[in-house]
N, C-alpha and C. Protein backbone atom coordinates (compact mmCIF):
# COMPACT_ATOMS: atom_id res chain seq x y z
N MET A 1 -32.40 16.90 -15.91
CA MET A 1 -32.88 16.72 -14.55
C MET A 1 -31.73 16.22 -13.68
N ALA A 2 -31.46 16.88 -12.62
CA ALA A 2 -30.38 16.48 -11.71
C ALA A 2 -30.82 15.27 -10.87
N THR A 3 -29.85 14.49 -10.47
CA THR A 3 -30.10 13.33 -9.63
C THR A 3 -30.42 13.79 -8.22
N ASN A 4 -31.42 13.15 -7.60
CA ASN A 4 -31.75 13.56 -6.23
C ASN A 4 -31.05 12.67 -5.20
N GLN A 5 -30.92 13.19 -4.01
CA GLN A 5 -30.21 12.50 -2.94
C GLN A 5 -30.86 11.17 -2.58
N ASP A 6 -32.17 11.07 -2.69
CA ASP A 6 -32.86 9.80 -2.39
C ASP A 6 -32.35 8.68 -3.29
N PHE A 7 -32.14 8.98 -4.57
CA PHE A 7 -31.62 7.96 -5.49
C PHE A 7 -30.21 7.56 -5.10
N VAL A 8 -29.36 8.51 -4.79
CA VAL A 8 -27.98 8.23 -4.38
C VAL A 8 -27.98 7.38 -3.11
N ASP A 9 -28.82 7.71 -2.16
CA ASP A 9 -28.92 6.93 -0.92
C ASP A 9 -29.38 5.50 -1.21
N TYR A 10 -30.33 5.34 -2.14
CA TYR A 10 -30.82 4.01 -2.50
C TYR A 10 -29.71 3.18 -3.13
N VAL A 11 -28.96 3.77 -4.06
CA VAL A 11 -27.85 3.05 -4.69
C VAL A 11 -26.84 2.62 -3.61
N THR A 12 -26.50 3.54 -2.74
CA THR A 12 -25.54 3.26 -1.66
C THR A 12 -26.03 2.12 -0.78
N GLU A 13 -27.30 2.14 -0.45
CA GLU A 13 -27.90 1.08 0.38
C GLU A 13 -27.87 -0.27 -0.34
N GLN A 14 -28.21 -0.28 -1.62
CA GLN A 14 -28.26 -1.53 -2.38
C GLN A 14 -26.87 -2.13 -2.61
N VAL A 15 -25.88 -1.29 -2.87
CA VAL A 15 -24.53 -1.79 -3.11
C VAL A 15 -23.92 -2.30 -1.80
N ALA A 16 -24.27 -1.67 -0.70
CA ALA A 16 -23.93 -2.15 0.65
C ALA A 16 -22.44 -2.44 0.83
N LEU A 17 -21.62 -1.43 0.59
CA LEU A 17 -20.18 -1.57 0.82
C LEU A 17 -19.69 -0.70 1.96
N GLY A 18 -20.60 -0.11 2.68
CA GLY A 18 -20.21 0.73 3.82
C GLY A 18 -19.34 1.89 3.38
N ASP A 19 -18.27 2.13 4.13
CA ASP A 19 -17.37 3.26 3.88
C ASP A 19 -16.54 3.09 2.61
N ARG A 20 -16.49 1.90 2.04
CA ARG A 20 -15.71 1.70 0.81
C ARG A 20 -16.35 2.42 -0.38
N LEU A 21 -17.68 2.58 -0.36
CA LEU A 21 -18.39 3.25 -1.44
C LEU A 21 -18.66 4.69 -1.01
N THR A 22 -18.10 5.61 -1.76
CA THR A 22 -18.33 7.03 -1.48
C THR A 22 -18.89 7.68 -2.73
N GLN A 23 -19.40 8.87 -2.55
CA GLN A 23 -19.92 9.60 -3.71
C GLN A 23 -19.55 11.07 -3.59
N LYS A 24 -19.47 11.69 -4.74
CA LYS A 24 -19.14 13.11 -4.81
C LYS A 24 -20.10 13.78 -5.78
N LYS A 25 -20.70 14.87 -5.33
CA LYS A 25 -21.64 15.60 -6.18
C LYS A 25 -20.86 16.45 -7.16
N MET A 26 -21.25 16.35 -8.43
CA MET A 26 -20.60 17.13 -9.47
C MET A 26 -21.65 17.59 -10.47
N PHE A 27 -21.86 18.89 -10.57
CA PHE A 27 -22.76 19.48 -11.55
C PHE A 27 -24.19 18.94 -11.44
N GLY A 28 -24.65 18.68 -10.22
CA GLY A 28 -26.00 18.18 -10.00
C GLY A 28 -26.12 16.68 -10.14
N GLU A 29 -25.05 16.02 -10.53
CA GLU A 29 -25.01 14.56 -10.65
C GLU A 29 -23.97 14.04 -9.67
N TYR A 30 -23.75 12.73 -9.65
CA TYR A 30 -22.85 12.14 -8.67
C TYR A 30 -21.91 11.13 -9.31
N ALA A 31 -20.70 11.06 -8.78
CA ALA A 31 -19.76 10.00 -9.12
C ALA A 31 -19.67 9.08 -7.91
N PHE A 32 -19.64 7.78 -8.16
CA PHE A 32 -19.46 6.78 -7.10
C PHE A 32 -18.04 6.24 -7.17
N TYR A 33 -17.43 6.11 -6.00
CA TYR A 33 -16.06 5.63 -5.89
C TYR A 33 -16.02 4.41 -4.98
N VAL A 34 -15.19 3.44 -5.33
CA VAL A 34 -14.86 2.34 -4.43
C VAL A 34 -13.37 2.42 -4.19
N ASP A 35 -12.99 2.57 -2.94
CA ASP A 35 -11.58 2.68 -2.57
C ASP A 35 -10.87 3.75 -3.40
N GLY A 36 -11.55 4.86 -3.66
CA GLY A 36 -10.96 5.98 -4.37
C GLY A 36 -11.00 5.88 -5.89
N LYS A 37 -11.53 4.78 -6.42
CA LYS A 37 -11.61 4.59 -7.87
C LYS A 37 -13.03 4.88 -8.35
N VAL A 38 -13.16 5.70 -9.40
CA VAL A 38 -14.48 5.97 -9.96
C VAL A 38 -14.99 4.71 -10.64
N VAL A 39 -16.20 4.28 -10.26
CA VAL A 39 -16.78 3.07 -10.84
C VAL A 39 -18.12 3.31 -11.51
N ALA A 40 -18.79 4.40 -11.16
CA ALA A 40 -20.13 4.62 -11.70
C ALA A 40 -20.53 6.08 -11.52
N PHE A 41 -21.58 6.45 -12.24
CA PHE A 41 -22.16 7.78 -12.13
C PHE A 41 -23.65 7.65 -11.93
N ALA A 42 -24.23 8.56 -11.17
CA ALA A 42 -25.68 8.70 -11.09
C ALA A 42 -26.02 9.97 -11.85
N CYS A 43 -26.74 9.81 -12.95
CA CYS A 43 -27.14 10.94 -13.79
C CYS A 43 -28.62 10.78 -14.11
N ASP A 44 -29.38 11.84 -13.92
CA ASP A 44 -30.82 11.80 -14.18
C ASP A 44 -31.50 10.63 -13.48
N ASN A 45 -31.08 10.36 -12.25
CA ASN A 45 -31.63 9.27 -11.44
C ASN A 45 -31.52 7.91 -12.11
N SER A 46 -30.42 7.69 -12.82
CA SER A 46 -30.07 6.38 -13.37
C SER A 46 -28.64 6.08 -12.96
N LEU A 47 -28.32 4.80 -12.83
CA LEU A 47 -26.97 4.38 -12.46
C LEU A 47 -26.23 3.91 -13.70
N PHE A 48 -25.11 4.57 -13.97
CA PHE A 48 -24.27 4.25 -15.12
C PHE A 48 -22.95 3.67 -14.60
N VAL A 49 -22.68 2.40 -14.92
CA VAL A 49 -21.46 1.73 -14.47
C VAL A 49 -20.42 1.81 -15.59
N LYS A 50 -19.19 2.09 -15.21
CA LYS A 50 -18.11 2.23 -16.18
C LYS A 50 -17.98 0.94 -17.01
N PRO A 51 -17.70 1.09 -18.29
CA PRO A 51 -17.53 -0.09 -19.13
C PRO A 51 -16.31 -0.90 -18.69
N SER A 52 -16.47 -2.21 -18.67
CA SER A 52 -15.36 -3.10 -18.29
C SER A 52 -15.73 -4.52 -18.70
N THR A 53 -14.75 -5.40 -18.60
CA THR A 53 -15.03 -6.81 -18.88
C THR A 53 -15.99 -7.38 -17.83
N ALA A 54 -15.96 -6.83 -16.62
CA ALA A 54 -16.91 -7.28 -15.58
C ALA A 54 -18.33 -6.97 -16.02
N ALA A 55 -18.56 -5.77 -16.55
CA ALA A 55 -19.91 -5.40 -17.00
C ALA A 55 -20.35 -6.29 -18.14
N THR A 56 -19.46 -6.55 -19.07
CA THR A 56 -19.79 -7.40 -20.23
C THR A 56 -20.14 -8.82 -19.77
N ARG A 57 -19.41 -9.33 -18.79
CA ARG A 57 -19.63 -10.70 -18.32
C ARG A 57 -20.86 -10.82 -17.42
N LEU A 58 -21.02 -9.88 -16.48
CA LEU A 58 -22.09 -10.00 -15.48
C LEU A 58 -23.45 -9.48 -15.96
N ALA A 59 -23.44 -8.55 -16.89
CA ALA A 59 -24.71 -7.93 -17.32
C ALA A 59 -24.67 -7.62 -18.82
N PRO A 60 -24.49 -8.63 -19.66
CA PRO A 60 -24.30 -8.39 -21.10
C PRO A 60 -25.53 -7.83 -21.81
N ASN A 61 -26.70 -7.99 -21.25
CA ASN A 61 -27.92 -7.59 -21.95
C ASN A 61 -28.49 -6.24 -21.51
N LEU A 62 -27.82 -5.58 -20.60
CA LEU A 62 -28.33 -4.29 -20.16
C LEU A 62 -28.03 -3.22 -21.22
N PRO A 63 -28.90 -2.22 -21.30
CA PRO A 63 -28.67 -1.16 -22.29
C PRO A 63 -27.43 -0.34 -21.94
N GLN A 64 -26.90 0.32 -22.95
CA GLN A 64 -25.77 1.22 -22.75
C GLN A 64 -26.10 2.55 -23.42
N ARG A 65 -25.66 3.61 -22.76
CA ARG A 65 -25.79 4.95 -23.33
C ARG A 65 -24.88 5.89 -22.54
N PRO A 66 -24.59 7.05 -23.09
CA PRO A 66 -23.73 7.98 -22.36
C PRO A 66 -24.46 8.59 -21.17
N PRO A 67 -23.79 8.74 -20.03
CA PRO A 67 -24.42 9.34 -18.86
C PRO A 67 -24.60 10.85 -18.99
N TYR A 68 -23.81 11.47 -19.85
CA TYR A 68 -23.88 12.92 -20.06
C TYR A 68 -23.37 13.20 -21.47
N PRO A 69 -23.72 14.33 -22.03
CA PRO A 69 -23.31 14.64 -23.41
C PRO A 69 -21.79 14.60 -23.58
N GLY A 70 -21.37 13.92 -24.63
CA GLY A 70 -19.95 13.82 -24.93
C GLY A 70 -19.25 12.64 -24.30
N ALA A 71 -19.93 11.90 -23.43
CA ALA A 71 -19.32 10.74 -22.78
C ALA A 71 -19.47 9.50 -23.65
N LYS A 72 -18.61 8.51 -23.40
CA LYS A 72 -18.78 7.22 -24.08
C LYS A 72 -19.93 6.47 -23.42
N ASP A 73 -20.34 5.37 -24.03
CA ASP A 73 -21.45 4.59 -23.48
C ASP A 73 -21.04 3.89 -22.19
N TYR A 74 -21.94 3.93 -21.23
CA TYR A 74 -21.81 3.22 -19.96
C TYR A 74 -22.98 2.26 -19.84
N LEU A 75 -22.82 1.23 -19.02
CA LEU A 75 -23.89 0.28 -18.74
C LEU A 75 -24.93 0.96 -17.86
N VAL A 76 -26.19 0.93 -18.28
CA VAL A 76 -27.28 1.49 -17.48
C VAL A 76 -27.77 0.36 -16.57
N ALA A 77 -27.43 0.44 -15.30
CA ALA A 77 -27.62 -0.68 -14.37
C ALA A 77 -28.84 -0.53 -13.47
N ASP A 78 -29.80 0.30 -13.86
CA ASP A 78 -30.97 0.53 -13.01
C ASP A 78 -31.70 -0.76 -12.62
N GLU A 79 -31.86 -1.67 -13.56
CA GLU A 79 -32.63 -2.87 -13.24
C GLU A 79 -31.87 -3.84 -12.33
N LEU A 80 -30.59 -3.62 -12.13
CA LEU A 80 -29.83 -4.45 -11.19
C LEU A 80 -29.94 -3.96 -9.75
N LEU A 81 -30.50 -2.77 -9.56
CA LEU A 81 -30.56 -2.20 -8.22
C LEU A 81 -31.44 -3.00 -7.27
N ASP A 82 -32.33 -3.82 -7.79
CA ASP A 82 -33.16 -4.66 -6.93
C ASP A 82 -32.46 -5.96 -6.55
N ASP A 83 -31.28 -6.21 -7.13
CA ASP A 83 -30.49 -7.41 -6.83
C ASP A 83 -29.19 -6.95 -6.17
N SER A 84 -29.24 -6.77 -4.85
CA SER A 84 -28.12 -6.21 -4.12
C SER A 84 -26.83 -7.00 -4.33
N ASP A 85 -26.91 -8.32 -4.35
CA ASP A 85 -25.70 -9.13 -4.52
C ASP A 85 -25.07 -8.91 -5.89
N LEU A 86 -25.88 -8.87 -6.94
CA LEU A 86 -25.35 -8.69 -8.28
C LEU A 86 -24.79 -7.29 -8.49
N ILE A 87 -25.47 -6.27 -8.05
CA ILE A 87 -24.97 -4.91 -8.23
C ILE A 87 -23.68 -4.71 -7.42
N ARG A 88 -23.61 -5.29 -6.24
CA ARG A 88 -22.39 -5.21 -5.43
C ARG A 88 -21.23 -5.90 -6.15
N GLN A 89 -21.49 -7.09 -6.68
CA GLN A 89 -20.45 -7.83 -7.40
C GLN A 89 -19.98 -7.03 -8.62
N LEU A 90 -20.91 -6.46 -9.37
CA LEU A 90 -20.56 -5.66 -10.54
C LEU A 90 -19.71 -4.46 -10.15
N ILE A 91 -20.10 -3.77 -9.10
CA ILE A 91 -19.36 -2.59 -8.65
C ILE A 91 -17.96 -2.98 -8.16
N LEU A 92 -17.86 -4.05 -7.38
CA LEU A 92 -16.56 -4.48 -6.86
C LEU A 92 -15.64 -4.96 -7.97
N GLU A 93 -16.17 -5.74 -8.91
CA GLU A 93 -15.33 -6.24 -10.00
C GLU A 93 -14.92 -5.11 -10.94
N THR A 94 -15.79 -4.15 -11.12
CA THR A 94 -15.43 -2.98 -11.93
C THR A 94 -14.31 -2.21 -11.25
N ALA A 95 -14.42 -2.01 -9.95
CA ALA A 95 -13.38 -1.30 -9.20
C ALA A 95 -12.04 -2.01 -9.30
N ALA A 96 -12.06 -3.34 -9.24
CA ALA A 96 -10.81 -4.10 -9.32
C ALA A 96 -10.10 -3.90 -10.66
N LEU A 97 -10.87 -3.58 -11.70
CA LEU A 97 -10.29 -3.40 -13.03
C LEU A 97 -9.86 -1.96 -13.33
N MET A 98 -10.26 -1.03 -12.48
CA MET A 98 -9.94 0.38 -12.71
C MET A 98 -8.54 0.69 -12.18
N PRO A 99 -7.84 1.62 -12.86
CA PRO A 99 -6.51 1.98 -12.38
C PRO A 99 -6.58 2.75 -11.06
N VAL A 100 -5.50 2.67 -10.32
CA VAL A 100 -5.39 3.43 -9.08
C VAL A 100 -5.32 4.91 -9.45
N PRO A 101 -6.08 5.76 -8.77
CA PRO A 101 -6.04 7.19 -9.10
C PRO A 101 -4.64 7.77 -8.90
N LYS A 102 -4.30 8.72 -9.77
CA LYS A 102 -3.01 9.39 -9.63
C LYS A 102 -3.05 10.27 -8.38
N PRO A 103 -1.96 10.31 -7.63
CA PRO A 103 -1.95 11.16 -6.45
C PRO A 103 -2.05 12.63 -6.85
N LYS A 104 -2.80 13.38 -6.06
CA LYS A 104 -2.95 14.81 -6.32
C LYS A 104 -1.69 15.53 -5.88
N LYS A 105 -1.34 16.55 -6.65
CA LYS A 105 -0.18 17.37 -6.28
C LYS A 105 -0.54 18.21 -5.07
N SER A 106 0.43 18.42 -4.21
CA SER A 106 0.21 19.29 -3.06
C SER A 106 0.11 20.73 -3.53
N ALA A 107 -0.40 21.61 -2.69
CA ALA A 107 -0.54 23.02 -3.04
C ALA A 107 0.81 23.63 -3.37
N SER A 108 1.85 23.27 -2.63
CA SER A 108 3.17 23.84 -2.90
C SER A 108 3.73 23.33 -4.23
N ALA A 109 3.47 22.09 -4.59
CA ALA A 109 3.93 21.55 -5.88
C ALA A 109 3.21 22.21 -7.03
N ARG A 110 1.90 22.52 -6.85
CA ARG A 110 1.15 23.20 -7.92
C ARG A 110 1.69 24.60 -8.14
N LYS A 111 2.03 25.29 -7.06
CA LYS A 111 2.54 26.65 -7.17
C LYS A 111 3.90 26.67 -7.87
N SER A 112 4.75 25.70 -7.57
CA SER A 112 6.09 25.70 -8.16
C SER A 112 6.07 25.30 -9.63
N SER A 113 5.00 24.64 -10.08
CA SER A 113 4.92 24.25 -11.49
C SER A 113 4.37 25.35 -12.38
N LYS A 114 3.96 26.45 -11.80
CA LYS A 114 3.41 27.57 -12.59
C LYS A 114 4.49 28.45 -13.14
């Protein structure tokens, strides 16, 4: 079952980071980004937060499972969505621990590497 836009809008509203939190639709599901860093996925209308020490510290008792076949386990943070402050803190602290995304090659650089 693909994630619906209402769920994505609800997550965005609860995390309340304005323009810092963006999402991208991929294969009927969504990736959430903070300042360009992937921090979570919405799959089957559930919120999966990337594993990190922040997740272990802030939400040690939440279930974990893969968001899609072949993925490693992620924290299933659905029950935190009613606590805007906690889910925001978890998302921000997770983002702080994620590496800066690698810059994308320009079109001309991709052509010259072929």
